[in-house]
């Protein structure tokens, strides 16, 4: 199949047929990975990743706060 790269806003776009995508199990709004392998563009469906907050911060090595945090005196009608 031959397609043409077209201008799409400030980028370039490539239209892929519904038949081509459905053959790969890819639909509208699905996430895909796009890579260059051996001077070819390879597009494949991204795996569904169910991230939890604990997974995101599992490797976090930043500053660890312990103890209480002072927020100062109330500024409005909040109740502390």
PDB file of N, CA and C in Angstrom:
ATOM      1  N   UNK A   1       0.852  -1.170   0.000  1.00  0.00           N
ATOM      2  CA  UNK A   1       0.000   0.000   0.000  1.00  0.00           C
ATOM      3  C   UNK A   1       0.899   1.236   0.000  1.00  0.00           C
ATOM      4  N   UNK A   2       0.654   2.156  -0.877  1.00  0.00           N
ATOM      5  CA  UNK A   2       1.398   3.409  -0.936  1.00  0.00           C
ATOM      6  C   UNK A   2       0.522   4.521  -0.400  1.00  0.00           C
ATOM      7  N   UNK A   3       1.085   5.296   0.536  1.00  0.00           N
ATOM      8  CA  UNK A   3       0.383   6.435   1.125  1.00  0.00           C
ATOM      9  C   UNK A   3       1.265   7.661   0.956  1.00  0.00           C
ATOM     10  N   UNK A   4       0.688   8.830   1.175  1.00  0.00           N
ATOM     11  CA  UNK A   4       1.413  10.083   1.031  1.00  0.00           C
ATOM     12  C   UNK A   4       1.434  10.827   2.355  1.00  0.00           C
ATOM     13  N   UNK A   5       2.587  11.335   2.734  1.00  0.00           N
ATOM     14  CA  UNK A   5       2.713  12.165   3.928  1.00  0.00           C
ATOM     15  C   UNK A   5       2.106  13.529   3.597  1.00  0.00           C
ATOM     16  N   UNK A   6       1.214  14.014   4.452  1.00  0.00           N
ATOM     17  CA  UNK A   6       0.544  15.296   4.246  1.00  0.00           C
ATOM     18  C   UNK A   6       0.789  16.221   5.429  1.00  0.00           C
ATOM     19  N   UNK A   7       0.651  17.507   5.211  1.00  0.00           N
ATOM     20  CA  UNK A   7       0.757  18.499   6.277  1.00  0.00           C
ATOM     21  C   UNK A   7      -0.491  18.387   7.162  1.00  0.00           C
ATOM     22  N   UNK A   8      -0.277  18.447   8.463  1.00  0.00           N
ATOM     23  CA  UNK A   8      -1.375  18.372   9.422  1.00  0.00           C
ATOM     24  C   UNK A   8      -1.044  19.370  10.525  1.00  0.00           C
ATOM     25  N   UNK A   9      -1.551  20.587  10.398  1.00  0.00           N
ATOM     26  CA  UNK A   9      -1.185  21.660  11.321  1.00  0.00           C
ATOM     27  C   UNK A   9       0.285  21.991  11.127  1.00  0.00           C
ATOM     28  N   UNK A  10       1.059  21.978  12.209  1.00  0.00           N
ATOM     29  CA  UNK A  10       2.495  22.214  12.127  1.00  0.00           C
ATOM     30  C   UNK A  10       3.285  20.916  11.999  1.00  0.00           C
ATOM     31  N   UNK A  11       2.586  19.813  11.841  1.00  0.00           N
ATOM     32  CA  UNK A  11       3.229  18.503  11.757  1.00  0.00           C
ATOM     33  C   UNK A  11       2.945  17.869  10.406  1.00  0.00           C
ATOM     34  N   UNK A  12       3.383  16.642  10.269  1.00  0.00           N
ATOM     35  CA  UNK A  12       3.060  15.854   9.087  1.00  0.00           C
ATOM     36  C   UNK A  12       2.258  14.651   9.536  1.00  0.00           C
ATOM     37  N   UNK A  13       1.358  14.187   8.664  1.00  0.00           N
ATOM     38  CA  UNK A  13       0.510  13.065   9.027  1.00  0.00           C
ATOM     39  C   UNK A  13       0.450  12.022   7.938  1.00  0.00           C
ATOM     40  N   UNK A  14       0.090  10.830   8.333  1.00  0.00           N
ATOM     41  CA  UNK A  14      -0.061   9.708   7.422  1.00  0.00           C
ATOM     42  C   UNK A  14      -1.386   9.042   7.730  1.00  0.00           C
ATOM     43  N   UNK A  15      -2.244   8.921   6.731  1.00  0.00           N
ATOM     44  CA  UNK A  15      -3.533   8.260   6.946  1.00  0.00           C
ATOM     45  C   UNK A  15      -3.368   6.763   6.756  1.00  0.00           C
ATOM     46  N   UNK A  16      -3.944   6.015   7.673  1.00  0.00           N
ATOM     47  CA  UNK A  16      -3.914   4.557   7.588  1.00  0.00           C
ATOM     48  C   UNK A  16      -5.344   4.064   7.447  1.00  0.00           C
ATOM     49  N   UNK A  17      -5.552   3.115   6.565  1.00  0.00           N
ATOM     50  CA  UNK A  17      -6.913   2.645   6.301  1.00  0.00           C
ATOM     51  C   UNK A  17      -7.484   1.891   7.500  1.00  0.00           C
ATOM     52  N   UNK A  18      -8.792   1.904   7.583  1.00  0.00           N
ATOM     53  CA  UNK A  18      -9.501   1.196   8.648  1.00  0.00           C
ATOM     54  C   UNK A  18      -9.189  -0.295   8.586  1.00  0.00           C
ATOM     55  N   UNK A  19      -9.120  -0.842   7.385  1.00  0.00           N
ATOM     56  CA  UNK A  19      -8.847  -2.262   7.195  1.00  0.00           C
ATOM     57  C   UNK A  19      -7.449  -2.626   7.712  1.00  0.00           C
ATOM     58  N   UNK A  20      -6.481  -1.764   7.412  1.00  0.00           N
ATOM     59  CA  UNK A  20      -5.115  -2.013   7.869  1.00  0.00           C
ATOM     60  C   UNK A  20      -5.045  -2.025   9.385  1.00  0.00           C
ATOM     61  N   UNK A  21      -5.648  -1.029  10.019  1.00  0.00           N
ATOM     62  CA  UNK A  21      -5.616  -0.930  11.477  1.00  0.00           C
ATOM     63  C   UNK A  21      -6.410  -2.040  12.153  1.00  0.00           C
ATOM     64  N   UNK A  22      -7.580  -2.359  11.613  1.00  0.00           N
ATOM     65  CA  UNK A  22      -8.391  -3.403  12.247  1.00  0.00           C
ATOM     66  C   UNK A  22      -7.702  -4.759  12.136  1.00  0.00           C
ATOM     67  N   UNK A  23      -6.897  -4.959  11.086  1.00  0.00           N
ATOM     68  CA  UNK A  23      -6.137  -6.191  10.960  1.00  0.00           C
ATOM     69  C   UNK A  23      -5.114  -6.345  12.075  1.00  0.00           C
ATOM     70  N   UNK A  24      -4.714  -5.224  12.688  1.00  0.00           N
ATOM     71  CA  UNK A  24      -3.773  -5.246  13.799  1.00  0.00           C
ATOM     72  C   UNK A  24      -4.468  -5.085  15.146  1.00  0.00           C
ATOM     73  N   UNK A  25      -5.790  -4.968  15.127  1.00  0.00           N
ATOM     74  CA  UNK A  25      -6.541  -4.783  16.368  1.00  0.00           C
ATOM     75  C   UNK A  25      -6.399  -3.382  16.931  1.00  0.00           C
ATOM     76  N   UNK A  26      -6.142  -2.413  16.050  1.00  0.00           N
ATOM     77  CA  UNK A  26      -5.976  -1.027  16.479  1.00  0.00           C
ATOM     78  C   UNK A  26      -7.199  -0.232  16.042  1.00  0.00           C
ATOM     79  N   UNK A  27      -7.760   0.563  16.953  1.00  0.00           N
ATOM     80  CA  UNK A  27      -8.926   1.383  16.650  1.00  0.00           C
ATOM     81  C   UNK A  27      -8.687   2.830  17.020  1.00  0.00           C
ATOM     82  N   UNK A  28      -9.707   3.638  16.817  1.00  0.00           N
ATOM     83  CA  UNK A  28      -9.625   5.064  17.125  1.00  0.00           C
ATOM     84  C   UNK A  28      -9.335   5.254  18.612  1.00  0.00           C
ATOM     85  N   UNK A  29      -8.423   6.164  18.922  1.00  0.00           N
ATOM     86  CA  UNK A  29      -7.999   6.533  20.270  1.00  0.00           C
ATOM     87  C   UNK A  29      -7.153   5.467  20.972  1.00  0.00           C
ATOM     88  N   UNK A  30      -6.811   4.365  20.284  1.00  0.00           N
ATOM     89  CA  UNK A  30      -5.882   3.400  20.869  1.00  0.00           C
ATOM     90  C   UNK A  30      -4.490   4.011  20.872  1.00  0.00           C
ATOM     91  N   UNK A  31      -3.700   3.666  21.845  1.00  0.00           N
ATOM     92  CA  UNK A  31      -2.321   4.140  21.904  1.00  0.00           C
ATOM     93  C   UNK A  31      -1.443   3.172  21.121  1.00  0.00           C
ATOM     94  N   UNK A  32      -0.465   3.724  20.409  1.00  0.00           N
ATOM     95  CA  UNK A  32       0.470   2.906  19.639  1.00  0.00           C
ATOM     96  C   UNK A  32       1.899   3.333  19.955  1.00  0.00           C
ATOM     97  N   UNK A  33       2.817   2.422  19.777  1.00  0.00           N
ATOM     98  CA  UNK A  33       4.234   2.729  19.853  1.00  0.00           C
ATOM     99  C   UNK A  33       4.716   2.946  18.429  1.00  0.00           C
ATOM    100  N   UNK A  34       5.575   3.945  18.242  1.00  0.00           N
ATOM    101  CA  UNK A  34       6.161   4.230  16.934  1.00  0.00           C
ATOM    102  C   UNK A  34       7.666   4.230  17.121  1.00  0.00           C
ATOM    103  N   UNK A  35       8.358   3.374  16.371  1.00  0.00           N
ATOM    104  CA  UNK A  35       9.800   3.245  16.501  1.00  0.00           C
ATOM    105  C   UNK A  35      10.454   3.202  15.129  1.00  0.00           C
ATOM    106  N   UNK A  36      11.733   3.484  15.097  1.00  0.00           N
ATOM    107  CA  UNK A  36      12.517   3.300  13.883  1.00  0.00           C
ATOM    108  C   UNK A  36      13.390   2.076  14.104  1.00  0.00           C
ATOM    109  N   UNK A  37      13.226   1.062  13.258  1.00  0.00           N
ATOM    110  CA  UNK A  37      14.027  -0.154  13.314  1.00  0.00           C
ATOM    111  C   UNK A  37      14.579  -0.425  11.921  1.00  0.00           C
ATOM    112  N   UNK A  38      15.889  -0.519  11.814  1.00  0.00           N
ATOM    113  CA  UNK A  38      16.535  -0.787  10.524  1.00  0.00           C
ATOM    114  C   UNK A  38      16.049   0.163   9.438  1.00  0.00           C
ATOM    115  N   UNK A  39      16.018   1.456   9.760  1.00  0.00           N
ATOM    116  CA  UNK A  39      15.609   2.507   8.824  1.00  0.00           C
ATOM    117  C   UNK A  39      14.169   2.353   8.327  1.00  0.00           C
ATOM    118  N   UNK A  40      13.329   1.732   9.145  1.00  0.00           N
ATOM    119  CA  UNK A  40      11.900   1.586   8.841  1.00  0.00           C
ATOM    120  C   UNK A  40      11.098   2.101  10.029  1.00  0.00           C
ATOM    121  N   UNK A  41       9.932   2.672   9.751  1.00  0.00           N
ATOM    122  CA  UNK A  41       9.020   3.090  10.812  1.00  0.00           C
ATOM    123  C   UNK A  41       8.149   1.896  11.160  1.00  0.00           C
ATOM    124  N   UNK A  42       8.131   1.534  12.439  1.00  0.00           N
ATOM    125  CA  UNK A  42       7.344   0.397  12.913  1.00  0.00           C
ATOM    126  C   UNK A  42       6.297   0.929  13.877  1.00  0.00           C
ATOM    127  N   UNK A  43       5.031   0.611  13.619  1.00  0.00           N
ATOM    128  CA  UNK A  43       3.912   1.052  14.462  1.00  0.00           C
ATOM    129  C   UNK A  43       3.214  -0.193  14.988  1.00  0.00           C
ATOM    130  N   UNK A  44       3.034  -0.257  16.302  1.00  0.00           N
ATOM    131  CA  UNK A  44       2.319  -1.388  16.875  1.00  0.00           C
ATOM    132  C   UNK A  44       1.530  -0.929  18.100  1.00  0.00           C
ATOM    133  N   UNK A  45       0.477  -1.677  18.388  1.00  0.00           N
ATOM    134  CA  UNK A  45      -0.420  -1.311  19.482  1.00  0.00           C
ATOM    135  C   UNK A  45       0.324  -1.369  20.808  1.00  0.00           C
ATOM    136  N   UNK A  46       0.158  -0.315  21.612  1.00  0.00           N
ATOM    137  CA  UNK A  46       0.796  -0.256  22.928  1.00  0.00           C
ATOM    138  C   UNK A  46       0.040  -1.159  23.890  1.00  0.00           C
ATOM    139  N   UNK A  47       0.779  -1.750  24.804  1.00  0.00           N
ATOM    140  CA  UNK A  47       0.149  -2.589  25.814  1.00  0.00           C
ATOM    141  C   UNK A  47      -0.602  -1.714  26.797  1.00  0.00           C
ATOM    142  N   UNK A  48      -1.742  -2.207  27.265  1.00  0.00           N
ATOM    143  CA  UNK A  48      -2.494  -1.487  28.290  1.00  0.00           C
ATOM    144  C   UNK A  48      -1.733  -1.596  29.604  1.00  0.00           C
ATOM    145  N   UNK A  49      -1.443  -0.470  30.179  1.00  0.00           N
ATOM    146  CA  UNK A  49      -0.718  -0.437  31.443  1.00  0.00           C
ATOM    147  C   UNK A  49      -1.626   0.186  32.485  1.00  0.00           C
ATOM    148  N   UNK A  50      -1.905  -0.569  33.523  1.00  0.00           N
ATOM    149  CA  UNK A  50      -2.738  -0.091  34.616  1.00  0.00           C
ATOM    150  C   UNK A  50      -1.819   0.372  35.738  1.00  0.00           C
ATOM    151  N   UNK A  51      -1.436   1.653  35.718  1.00  0.00           N
ATOM    152  CA  UNK A  51      -0.516   2.160  36.721  1.00  0.00           C
ATOM    153  C   UNK A  51      -1.243   2.596  37.976  1.00  0.00           C
ATOM    154  N   UNK A  52      -0.638   2.268  39.098  1.00  0.00           N
ATOM    155  CA  UNK A  52      -1.133   2.730  40.385  1.00  0.00           C
ATOM    156  C   UNK A  52      -0.155   3.768  40.908  1.00  0.00           C
ATOM    157  N   UNK A  53      -0.593   4.614  41.780  1.00  0.00           N
ATOM    158  CA  UNK A  53       0.272   5.637  42.345  1.00  0.00           C
ATOM    159  C   UNK A  53       1.505   5.010  42.993  1.00  0.00           C
ATOM    160  N   UNK A  54       1.325   3.883  43.642  1.00  0.00           N
ATOM    161  CA  UNK A  54       2.463   3.209  44.278  1.00  0.00           C
ATOM    162  C   UNK A  54       3.473   2.738  43.234  1.00  0.00           C
ATOM    163  N   UNK A  55       3.008   2.332  42.046  1.00  0.00           N
ATOM    164  CA  UNK A  55       3.920   1.931  40.967  1.00  0.00           C
ATOM    165  C   UNK A  55       4.716   3.123  40.458  1.00  0.00           C
ATOM    166  N   UNK A  56       4.042   4.259  40.320  1.00  0.00           N
ATOM    167  CA  UNK A  56       4.686   5.451  39.788  1.00  0.00           C
ATOM    168  C   UNK A  56       5.813   5.914  40.709  1.00  0.00           C
ATOM    169  N   UNK A  57       5.598   5.847  42.006  1.00  0.00           N
ATOM    170  CA  UNK A  57       6.584   6.337  42.957  1.00  0.00           C
ATOM    171  C   UNK A  57       7.456   5.234  43.556  1.00  0.00           C
ATOM    172  N   UNK A  58       7.385   4.030  43.041  1.00  0.00           N
ATOM    173  CA  UNK A  58       8.146   2.911  43.600  1.00  0.00           C
ATOM    174  C   UNK A  58       9.644   3.181  43.617  1.00  0.00           C
ATOM    175  N   UNK A  59      10.163   3.845  42.610  1.00  0.00           N
ATOM    176  CA  UNK A  59      11.603   4.099  42.512  1.00  0.00           C
ATOM    177  C   UNK A  59      11.980   5.514  42.957  1.00  0.00           C
ATOM    178  N   UNK A  60      11.049   6.249  43.543  1.00  0.00           N
ATOM    179  CA  UNK A  60      11.301   7.639  43.937  1.00  0.00           C
ATOM    180  C   UNK A  60      12.383   7.709  44.995  1.00  0.00           C
ATOM    181  N   UNK A  61      13.397   8.509  44.734  1.00  0.00           N
ATOM    182  CA  UNK A  61      14.502   8.649  45.669  1.00  0.00           C
ATOM    183  C   UNK A  61      14.671  10.113  46.101  1.00  0.00           C
ATOM    184  N   UNK A  62      13.631  10.887  45.987  1.00  0.00           N
ATOM    185  CA  UNK A  62      13.680  12.306  46.327  1.00  0.00           C
ATOM    186  C   UNK A  62      13.733  12.529  47.825  1.00  0.00           C
ATOM    187  N   UNK A  63      13.595  13.772  48.189  1.00  0.00           N
ATOM    188  CA  UNK A  63      13.666  14.154  49.590  1.00  0.00           C
ATOM    189  C   UNK A  63      12.475  13.569  50.345  1.00  0.00           C
ATOM    190  N   UNK A  64      12.750  12.969  51.474  1.00  0.00           N
ATOM    191  CA  UNK A  64      11.688  12.382  52.284  1.00  0.00           C
ATOM    192  C   UNK A  64      11.379  13.305  53.449  1.00  0.00           C
ATOM    193  N   UNK A  65      10.152  13.721  53.524  1.00  0.00           N
ATOM    194  CA  UNK A  65       9.716  14.597  54.611  1.00  0.00           C
ATOM    195  C   UNK A  65       9.181  13.739  55.749  1.00  0.00           C
ATOM    196  N   UNK A  66       9.632  14.034  56.952  1.00  0.00           N
ATOM    197  CA  UNK A  66       9.088  13.333  58.117  1.00  0.00           C
ATOM    198  C   UNK A  66       8.621  14.380  59.117  1.00  0.00           C
ATOM    199  N   UNK A  67       7.696  13.999  59.916  1.00  0.00           N
ATOM    200  CA  UNK A  67       7.182  14.923  60.920  1.00  0.00           C
ATOM    201  C   UNK A  67       6.056  15.789  60.371  1.00  0.00           C
ATOM    202  N   UNK A  68       5.699  16.795  61.151  1.00  0.00           N
ATOM    203  CA  UNK A  68       4.593  17.665  60.786  1.00  0.00           C
ATOM    204  C   UNK A  68       5.048  18.795  59.873  1.00  0.00           C
ATOM    205  N   UNK A  69       4.128  19.301  59.095  1.00  0.00           N
ATOM    206  CA  UNK A  69       4.398  20.439  58.227  1.00  0.00           C
ATOM    207  C   UNK A  69       3.580  21.615  58.714  1.00  0.00           C
ATOM    208  N   UNK A  70       4.212  22.737  58.910  1.00  0.00           N
ATOM    209  CA  UNK A  70       3.510  23.937  59.339  1.00  0.00           C
ATOM    210  C   UNK A  70       3.007  24.713  58.130  1.00  0.00           C
ATOM    211  N   UNK A  71       1.729  25.023  58.131  1.00  0.00           N
ATOM    212  CA  UNK A  71       1.135  25.754  57.009  1.00  0.00           C
ATOM    213  C   UNK A  71       0.875  27.209  57.369  1.00  0.00           C
ATOM    214  N   UNK A  72       1.283  27.626  58.536  1.00  0.00           N
ATOM    215  CA  UNK A  72       1.070  29.006  58.931  1.00  0.00           C
ATOM    216  C   UNK A  72      -0.303  29.209  59.554  1.00  0.00           C
ATOM    217  N   UNK A  73      -0.613  30.479  59.839  1.00  0.00           N
ATOM    218  CA  UNK A  73      -1.898  30.818  60.446  1.00  0.00           C
ATOM    219  C   UNK A  73      -2.991  30.804  59.392  1.00  0.00           C
ATOM    220  N   UNK A  74      -4.243  30.553  59.806  1.00  0.00           N
ATOM    221  CA  UNK A  74      -5.358  30.598  58.851  1.00  0.00           C
ATOM    222  C   UNK A  74      -5.445  31.969  58.188  1.00  0.00           C
ATOM    223  N   UNK A  75      -5.720  32.010  56.915  1.00  0.00           N
ATOM    224  CA  UNK A  75      -5.803  33.261  56.146  1.00  0.00           C
ATOM    225  C   UNK A  75      -7.255  33.669  55.900  1.00  0.00           C
ATOM    226  N   UNK A  76      -8.165  32.732  55.883  1.00  0.00           N
ATOM    227  CA  UNK A  76      -9.551  33.054  55.577  1.00  0.00           C
ATOM    228  C   UNK A  76     -10.466  32.464  56.629  1.00  0.00           C
ATOM    229  N   UNK A  77     -11.541  31.820  56.187  1.00  0.00           N
ATOM    230  CA  UNK A  77     -12.519  31.249  57.131  1.00  0.00           C
ATOM    231  C   UNK A  77     -12.339  29.749  57.322  1.00  0.00           C
ATOM    232  N   UNK A  78     -11.165  29.218  56.873  1.00  0.00           N
ATOM    233  CA  UNK A  78     -10.957  27.776  57.047  1.00  0.00           C
ATOM    234  C   UNK A  78     -10.865  27.433  58.533  1.00  0.00           C
ATOM    235  N   UNK A  79     -11.230  26.213  58.855  1.00  0.00           N
ATOM    236  CA  UNK A  79     -11.186  25.749  60.247  1.00  0.00           C
ATOM    237  C   UNK A  79     -10.051  24.745  60.352  1.00  0.00           C
ATOM    238  N   UNK A  80      -9.146  24.975  61.311  1.00  0.00           N
ATOM    239  CA  UNK A  80      -8.018  24.067  61.485  1.00  0.00           C
ATOM    240  C   UNK A  80      -8.213  23.344  62.740  1.00  0.00           C
TER     241      UNK A  80
END
